[in-house]
Protein backbone atom coordinates (compact mmCIF):
# COMPACT_ATOMS: atom_id res chain seq x y z
CA MET A 1 0.25 0.10 -0.24
CA GLU A 2 2.72 2.50 0.45
CA LYS A 3 4.43 1.99 -2.68
CA ILE A 4 0.78 3.19 -4.13
CA PHE A 5 0.78 6.12 -1.84
CA GLU A 6 4.21 6.97 -3.13
CA TYR A 7 3.05 6.53 -6.80
CA ALA A 8 0.24 8.56 -6.35
CA ARG A 9 1.88 11.45 -4.60
CA LYS A 10 4.53 11.69 -7.28
CA ASN A 11 2.15 11.57 -10.19
CA ASN A 12 -0.50 14.36 -9.15
CA ILE A 13 -3.13 12.13 -7.83
CA SER A 14 -6.15 13.44 -6.42
CA ASP A 15 -8.21 9.40 -5.92
CA ILE A 16 -7.09 5.83 -5.57
CA HIS A 17 -9.99 3.60 -6.81
CA ILE A 18 -9.47 0.01 -4.73
CA ILE A 19 -11.37 -3.02 -4.88
CA GLU A 20 -10.29 -6.02 -3.48
CA GLY A 21 -8.73 -8.94 -6.19
CA GLU A 22 -9.24 -6.22 -9.24
CA ARG A 23 -7.03 -3.83 -11.04
CA ILE A 24 -6.35 -0.05 -8.86
CA TYR A 25 -7.20 3.05 -10.79
CA PHE A 26 -6.58 6.70 -10.36
CA ARG A 27 -8.01 9.84 -10.99
CA LYS A 28 -5.82 12.34 -12.37
CA ASP A 29 -6.58 15.39 -13.67
CA GLY A 30 -10.20 15.09 -13.56
CA GLU A 31 -9.61 11.56 -15.20
CA ILE A 32 -10.12 8.20 -14.57
CA VAL A 33 -6.56 5.91 -15.24
CA ALA A 34 -5.90 2.83 -14.29
CA TYR A 35 -2.44 1.75 -12.33
CA GLU A 36 0.11 0.88 -14.48
CA ASP A 37 1.41 -1.98 -12.15
CA ASN A 38 -1.55 -3.78 -12.59
CA GLN A 39 -1.27 -4.38 -8.74
CA SER A 40 -4.25 -5.25 -6.93
CA LEU A 41 -5.19 -5.56 -3.08
CA SER A 42 -6.14 -8.56 -1.48
CA ARG A 43 -9.45 -8.13 1.28
CA GLU A 44 -6.87 -8.52 4.26
CA ASP A 45 -4.20 -6.14 2.61
CA ILE A 46 -7.36 -3.37 2.78
CA LEU A 47 -8.94 -4.47 6.23
CA LYS A 48 -5.25 -3.38 7.53
CA ILE A 49 -6.44 0.46 5.92
CA CYS A 50 -10.04 0.02 7.28
CA SER A 51 -9.67 -0.55 10.74
CA GLY A 52 -13.23 -2.10 11.58
CA LYS A 53 -14.34 1.37 9.41
CA PHE A 54 -17.16 0.02 6.84
CA GLU A 55 -19.75 1.83 4.93
CA GLU A 56 -18.17 5.54 6.38
CA ASP A 57 -15.47 7.94 6.27
CA PHE A 58 -12.66 8.48 7.97
CA ALA A 59 -8.57 9.90 8.18
CA TYR A 60 -5.89 7.67 7.37
CA THR A 61 -2.05 8.67 8.33
CA ASP A 62 0.74 6.36 6.57
CA SER A 63 4.30 5.58 7.83
CA LYS A 64 5.63 8.68 6.60
CA ASN A 65 2.94 10.83 8.86
CA GLN A 66 1.39 11.36 5.33
CA ARG A 67 -2.73 12.03 5.27
CA TYR A 68 -5.67 10.41 3.32
CA ARG A 69 -9.50 10.59 3.65
CA ILE A 70 -11.03 7.54 2.72
CA ASN A 71 -14.65 6.16 1.94
CA SER A 72 -15.01 2.26 2.27
CA PHE A 73 -18.02 0.35 0.91
CA PHE A 74 -18.83 -2.98 -0.52
CA THR A 75 -19.04 -3.42 -4.18
CA LYS A 76 -20.76 -7.26 -5.69
CA GLY A 77 -19.34 -8.44 -2.25
CA LYS A 78 -16.60 -7.23 -2.62
CA LEU A 79 -15.10 -4.28 0.08
CA ALA A 80 -13.55 -1.31 -1.53
CA LEU A 81 -11.96 2.52 -0.89
CA VAL A 82 -11.75 5.21 -2.24
CA ILE A 83 -9.27 7.67 -0.90
CA ARG A 84 -8.95 11.39 -1.39
CA VAL A 85 -5.02 12.31 -1.53
CA ILE A 86 -4.67 15.48 0.95
CA ASN A 87 -1.69 17.35 0.62
CA ASP A 88 -0.17 18.88 3.35
CA GLU A 89 -1.25 22.64 2.28
CA ALA A 90 -4.33 23.75 0.42
CA VAL A 91 -3.81 24.36 -3.01
CA LYS A 92 -3.18 27.58 -3.50
CA LEU A 93 -6.32 29.48 -5.43
CA LYS A 94 -5.19 31.37 -8.46
CA GLY A 95 -8.29 33.10 -9.56
CA GLU A 96 -8.36 37.01 -9.67
CA PHE A 97 -11.82 36.67 -8.82
CA ILE A 98 -12.08 34.06 -6.07
CA ASN A 99 -9.16 35.94 -4.37
CA LYS A 100 -10.68 39.44 -4.45
CA VAL A 101 -13.95 37.94 -3.34
CA ILE A 102 -12.43 36.29 0.20
CA ASP A 103 -9.97 39.49 0.62
CA GLU A 104 -12.58 41.82 0.11
CA LYS A 105 -16.12 40.62 1.00
CA ILE A 106 -15.35 37.03 3.39
CA LEU A 107 -12.91 38.46 5.42
CA ALA A 108 -15.17 41.66 6.31
CA LEU A 109 -17.69 39.31 7.33
CA LYS A 110 -18.79 39.38 11.18
CA ASP A 111 -21.28 36.54 11.06
CA GLY A 112 -23.74 34.60 8.78
CA LEU A 113 -23.64 31.14 6.77
CA VAL A 114 -21.19 31.13 3.75
CA LEU A 115 -21.94 27.96 1.88
CA ILE A 116 -19.33 26.47 -0.84
CA SER A 117 -21.24 24.50 -3.47
CA GLY A 118 -19.84 22.31 -6.31
CA ILE A 119 -19.86 18.58 -7.46
CA THR A 120 -16.60 16.06 -6.04
CA GLY A 121 -13.43 17.20 -6.80
CA SER A 122 -14.50 20.49 -8.12
CA GLY A 123 -12.62 22.30 -5.18
CA LYS A 124 -14.51 22.78 -2.82
CA SER A 125 -12.61 21.72 -0.02
CA THR A 126 -9.79 23.27 -0.88
CA THR A 127 -11.67 27.23 -1.44
CA LEU A 128 -12.69 26.67 1.96
CA ALA A 129 -9.08 25.58 3.27
CA ASN A 130 -7.83 28.68 1.99
CA ILE A 131 -10.57 31.06 3.11
CA ILE A 132 -9.88 29.25 6.99
CA GLU A 133 -5.54 30.48 6.16
CA LYS A 134 -6.51 33.97 4.77
CA PHE A 135 -8.29 34.46 8.24
CA ASN A 136 -5.29 32.59 9.74
CA ASP A 137 -2.78 34.92 8.32
CA ASN A 138 -5.00 38.12 8.69
CA LYS A 139 -7.48 38.32 11.77
CA SER A 140 -7.07 37.65 15.60
CA ILE A 141 -9.63 35.11 15.95
CA LYS A 142 -10.86 31.78 17.16
CA ILE A 143 -11.95 29.21 15.01
CA LEU A 144 -13.48 26.22 15.25
CA THR A 145 -14.20 23.34 12.91
CA ILE A 146 -16.16 20.63 13.00
CA GLU A 147 -14.92 17.89 10.30
CA ASP A 148 -15.74 14.06 9.28
CA PRO A 149 -12.71 13.57 8.95
CA ILE A 150 -10.10 16.41 9.19
CA GLU A 151 -8.57 17.02 6.06
CA TYR A 152 -6.02 19.56 5.88
CA ILE A 153 -4.02 20.54 9.18
CA PHE A 154 -3.42 24.12 10.35
CA GLU A 155 -1.12 26.20 12.29
CA ASN A 156 -1.99 28.84 14.63
CA LYS A 157 -0.53 31.79 13.16
CA LYS A 158 -2.86 35.30 14.06
CA ALA A 159 -6.01 32.99 14.48
CA LEU A 160 -6.80 30.23 17.43
CA ILE A 161 -7.50 27.36 15.12
CA ILE A 162 -9.16 24.50 16.89
CA GLN A 163 -10.02 21.31 14.64
CA ARG A 164 -11.99 18.82 15.81
CA GLU A 165 -13.14 15.29 14.18
CA LEU A 166 -16.06 13.17 14.61
CA GLY A 167 -15.71 9.80 16.14
CA THR A 168 -12.36 10.77 17.29
CA ASP A 169 -12.58 14.21 19.20
CA VAL A 170 -16.18 13.99 19.74
CA GLU A 171 -18.56 11.40 19.66
CA SER A 172 -21.36 13.01 17.30
CA PHE A 173 -22.10 16.20 15.20
CA GLU A 174 -24.98 16.90 17.80
CA LYS A 175 -22.75 16.71 20.44
CA ALA A 176 -19.75 19.00 18.98
CA LEU A 177 -22.04 21.67 17.68
CA LYS A 178 -23.53 21.82 21.77
CA SER A 179 -20.60 22.09 22.72
CA SER A 180 -19.40 24.85 20.25
CA LEU A 181 -21.47 27.17 22.07
CA ARG A 182 -19.31 27.08 25.59
CA GLN A 183 -15.56 27.28 23.56
CA ASP A 184 -15.66 31.04 22.29
CA PRO A 185 -15.54 30.59 18.59
CA ASP A 186 -16.07 33.51 16.12
CA VAL A 187 -15.68 31.26 13.25
CA ILE A 188 -17.40 28.14 12.71
CA VAL A 189 -16.16 25.78 9.96
CA LEU A 190 -18.59 22.67 9.44
CA GLY A 191 -17.40 20.09 6.73
CA GLU A 192 -20.39 19.80 4.98
CA ILE A 193 -24.03 20.26 5.12
CA ARG A 194 -24.84 16.40 4.13
CA ASP A 195 -29.16 16.81 5.86
CA GLU A 196 -32.00 18.42 7.32
CA GLU A 197 -29.71 18.12 10.99
CA SER A 198 -26.37 20.22 9.86
CA LEU A 199 -28.79 22.41 7.39
CA PHE A 200 -30.43 23.89 10.40
CA SER A 201 -27.80 23.86 12.68
CA ALA A 202 -25.71 25.72 10.91
CA LEU A 203 -28.62 28.32 10.24
CA LYS A 204 -29.07 28.64 14.33
CA LEU A 205 -25.34 29.20 14.46
CA ALA A 206 -25.55 32.28 11.71
CA GLU A 207 -28.58 33.58 13.53
CA THR A 208 -27.13 33.17 17.00
CA GLY A 209 -24.04 35.51 15.78
CA TYR A 210 -21.47 33.85 14.63
CA LEU A 211 -19.48 33.30 10.98
CA VAL A 212 -20.42 29.82 9.87
CA PHE A 213 -18.27 28.28 6.78
CA SER A 214 -19.54 25.04 5.48
CA THR A 215 -19.86 23.09 1.84
CA LEU A 216 -22.35 21.74 -0.60
CA HIS A 217 -22.53 18.94 -2.80
CA THR A 218 -24.47 20.81 -5.42
CA MET A 219 -23.73 21.45 -9.14
CA ASN A 220 -23.55 25.47 -8.42
CA ALA A 221 -24.50 27.75 -6.52
CA VAL A 222 -27.87 28.14 -8.15
CA GLU A 223 -29.05 24.86 -7.57
CA SER A 224 -27.77 25.11 -3.98
CA ILE A 225 -30.96 26.53 -3.10
CA ASN A 226 -33.14 24.02 -4.79
CA ARG A 227 -31.29 21.79 -2.74
CA LEU A 228 -31.47 23.10 0.56
CA ILE A 229 -35.15 23.36 0.14
CA SER A 230 -35.38 19.57 -0.59
CA MET A 231 -33.40 18.76 2.58
CA THR A 232 -36.15 20.17 4.76
CA LYS A 233 -39.40 18.67 6.11
CA SER A 234 -42.94 20.02 5.93
CA ASP A 235 -42.84 21.06 9.47
CA LYS A 236 -39.80 23.38 8.71
CA LYS A 237 -41.05 24.86 5.43
CA GLU A 238 -41.19 28.28 7.19
CA ALA A 239 -37.89 28.25 7.73
CA ALA A 240 -36.83 27.18 4.48
CA SER A 241 -38.99 29.77 2.80
CA GLU A 242 -36.68 32.48 5.32
CA PHE A 243 -33.53 30.86 3.89
CA VAL A 244 -34.58 31.11 0.27
CA LYS A 245 -35.64 34.86 0.80
CA PHE A 246 -32.04 35.46 1.95
CA ALA A 247 -30.77 33.31 -0.56
CA THR A 248 -32.40 35.72 -3.10
CA ASN A 249 -32.18 39.25 -2.01
CA THR A 250 -30.47 41.68 -4.11
CA GLU A 251 -26.61 41.03 -2.52
CA SER A 252 -26.83 37.50 -2.64
CA SER A 253 -28.04 37.66 -5.92
CA GLU A 254 -25.17 39.72 -7.38
CA ILE A 255 -22.61 37.04 -5.81
CA ILE A 256 -23.99 34.33 -7.34
CA SER A 257 -23.95 36.30 -10.88
CA LEU A 258 -20.56 37.50 -11.00
CA GLY A 259 -19.15 34.34 -9.06
CA ASN A 260 -20.99 31.74 -12.22
CA SER A 261 -21.16 33.69 -14.47
CA VAL A 262 -25.02 33.50 -14.56
CA LEU A 263 -27.44 35.90 -15.55
CA PRO A 264 -28.91 37.55 -11.98
CA ILE A 265 -32.64 36.08 -10.68
CA ARG A 266 -33.39 40.35 -9.58
CA LYS A 267 -34.18 42.59 -11.88
CA SER A 268 -32.54 44.95 -8.96
CA THR A 269 -29.32 43.07 -9.15
CA ILE A 270 -28.77 44.38 -13.36
CA GLU A 271 -28.32 48.22 -12.13
CA ASN A 272 -25.19 47.05 -9.33
CA ILE A 273 -23.41 44.46 -11.92
CA LYS A 274 -23.99 46.10 -15.18
CA ASP A 275 -20.27 47.38 -14.87
CA LYS A 276 -18.65 44.67 -13.81
CA VAL A 277 -19.68 42.36 -16.10
CA THR A 278 -18.55 41.82 -19.80
CA GLU A 279 -20.34 43.74 -22.69
CA PRO A 280 -21.79 40.39 -23.97
CA MET A 281 -23.30 39.63 -20.77
CA ARG A 282 -24.53 43.08 -20.31
CA PHE A 283 -26.54 42.69 -23.17
CA LEU A 284 -28.01 39.25 -22.57
CA MET A 285 -28.74 41.07 -19.20
CA GLU A 286 -31.04 43.75 -20.31
CA GLN A 287 -32.62 41.52 -23.12
CA ASN A 288 -33.50 38.89 -20.03
CA SER A 289 -34.76 41.75 -17.79
CA LYS A 290 -37.36 42.53 -20.65
CA THR A 291 -38.54 39.11 -21.49
CA ALA A 292 -38.15 36.87 -19.05
CA HIS A 293 -40.94 34.82 -17.52
CA ALA A 294 -41.13 32.97 -14.28
CA ARG A 295 -40.47 29.17 -14.84
CA PRO A 296 -43.32 27.46 -14.68
CA VAL A 297 -44.53 25.20 -11.49
CA VAL A 298 -42.92 21.54 -12.20
CA VAL A 299 -43.92 18.88 -9.51
CA ALA A 300 -40.52 17.44 -7.78
CA TYR A 301 -38.38 19.65 -9.25
CA PRO A 302 -35.37 19.40 -6.51
CA GLN A 303 -35.62 15.99 -6.53
CA VAL A 304 -36.03 15.27 -10.46
CA SER A 305 -33.40 17.90 -10.96
CA ARG A 306 -30.84 16.61 -8.79
CA ALA A 307 -31.64 12.92 -10.50
CA PHE A 308 -31.26 14.47 -13.72
CA GLN A 309 -27.80 16.00 -13.04
CA GLN A 310 -26.49 13.39 -10.72
CA ALA A 311 -27.20 11.04 -13.89
CA MET A 312 -25.17 13.25 -16.15
CA GLN A 313 -22.73 13.47 -13.38
CA ASP A 314 -22.68 9.71 -13.61
CA ILE A 315 -22.47 8.58 -16.97
CA SER A 316 -19.33 11.12 -17.65
CA TYR A 317 -17.50 9.23 -15.44
CA TYR A 318 -17.33 6.02 -18.12
CA GLU A 319 -14.83 3.73 -17.22
CA GLU A 320 -16.66 3.61 -13.44
CA ASN A 321 -20.04 3.63 -15.23
CA PRO A 322 -20.21 1.71 -18.92
CA ASN A 323 -23.34 0.30 -18.32
CA VAL A 324 -24.85 4.00 -19.10
CA GLN A 325 -28.49 2.61 -19.86
CA LYS A 326 -28.72 0.91 -16.22
CA VAL A 327 -27.36 4.36 -15.26
CA LEU A 328 -30.61 5.95 -16.70
CA ASP A 329 -32.75 3.65 -16.34
CA THR A 330 -32.28 4.07 -12.30
CA ARG A 331 -31.98 7.71 -12.21
CA THR A 332 -35.33 7.81 -14.35
CA LYS A 333 -37.03 5.46 -12.01
CA GLU A 334 -35.67 8.12 -9.14
CA MET A 335 -37.50 11.08 -10.73
CA GLN A 336 -40.59 8.84 -11.54
CA THR A 337 -40.78 7.95 -8.00
CA ALA A 338 -40.64 11.51 -6.44
CA ILE A 339 -43.27 13.07 -9.22
CA ASP A 340 -45.41 9.75 -7.89
CA GLN A 341 -45.44 10.72 -4.47
CA SER A 342 -45.60 14.48 -4.64
CA LEU A 343 -48.54 13.84 -6.87
CA LYS A 344 -50.46 11.39 -4.45
């Protein structure tokens, strides 16, 4: 296994895909490639890494004290791992716009909720790590992270950073959040918004006066709103409605439009950003404001949209999912089930 880890780090591999007794694959520069060695690992080899952890995420440190994030699971009765290679330091963001947003907007925030969205491998964790490091370089504050597992290790500079790992430093997400209020943080970082519990915990912390950061697995910032609404149960729709008002106000619309090069969802945003966009985008905004209409109500839209986007992502990884028709049939069934349930 150490040989595989060494190869991955030398060859700029982001993820290692292992199934017991089968050929090993890597993700490099966004593409799946086979390990040229033809080496495979036995169940015994994989069990040494898992240490009894199955169907879960966990951190792993090799003999050279280099860190990895691992997801273990079973496929066709075989034990499998997907291993994310974690660098000692997060890759520095080079984009002029994102660095300007962090320096001028995010570092000035005192409270609220900031979500970083994107698909797998798009750089959510890297962006969040860069934000934490920016605070660390510039602000005399206390940052508390709750992660599952911890990815990047930070050294205190101007900021005091406390990193807590679920299952190692604290028993559960609920306990970590409850105790966080007694730990005098200025900024709270939640690894990922995965369900209704983590969503409303993040909102509650933000409403209490803390600055909260987290990530969300969606295609883009606009789709994040639908994703968050779909997480909520019927008895909490009022809270979801309040979030939508926040997420679609003029300021939020401006950030989403500039950050994702998409048309603003509010006419009031056009006037604010017309001098910050290209001439073609300005033309599109003006035309859109004159001719656009609200999208008609679509039954179970959040669930259908998410299933469709997941289908596109699944078939884009062709070597991992060679049976395209089976993938499409599965996602189509999910869409139809969501529609049928909504119509009951």
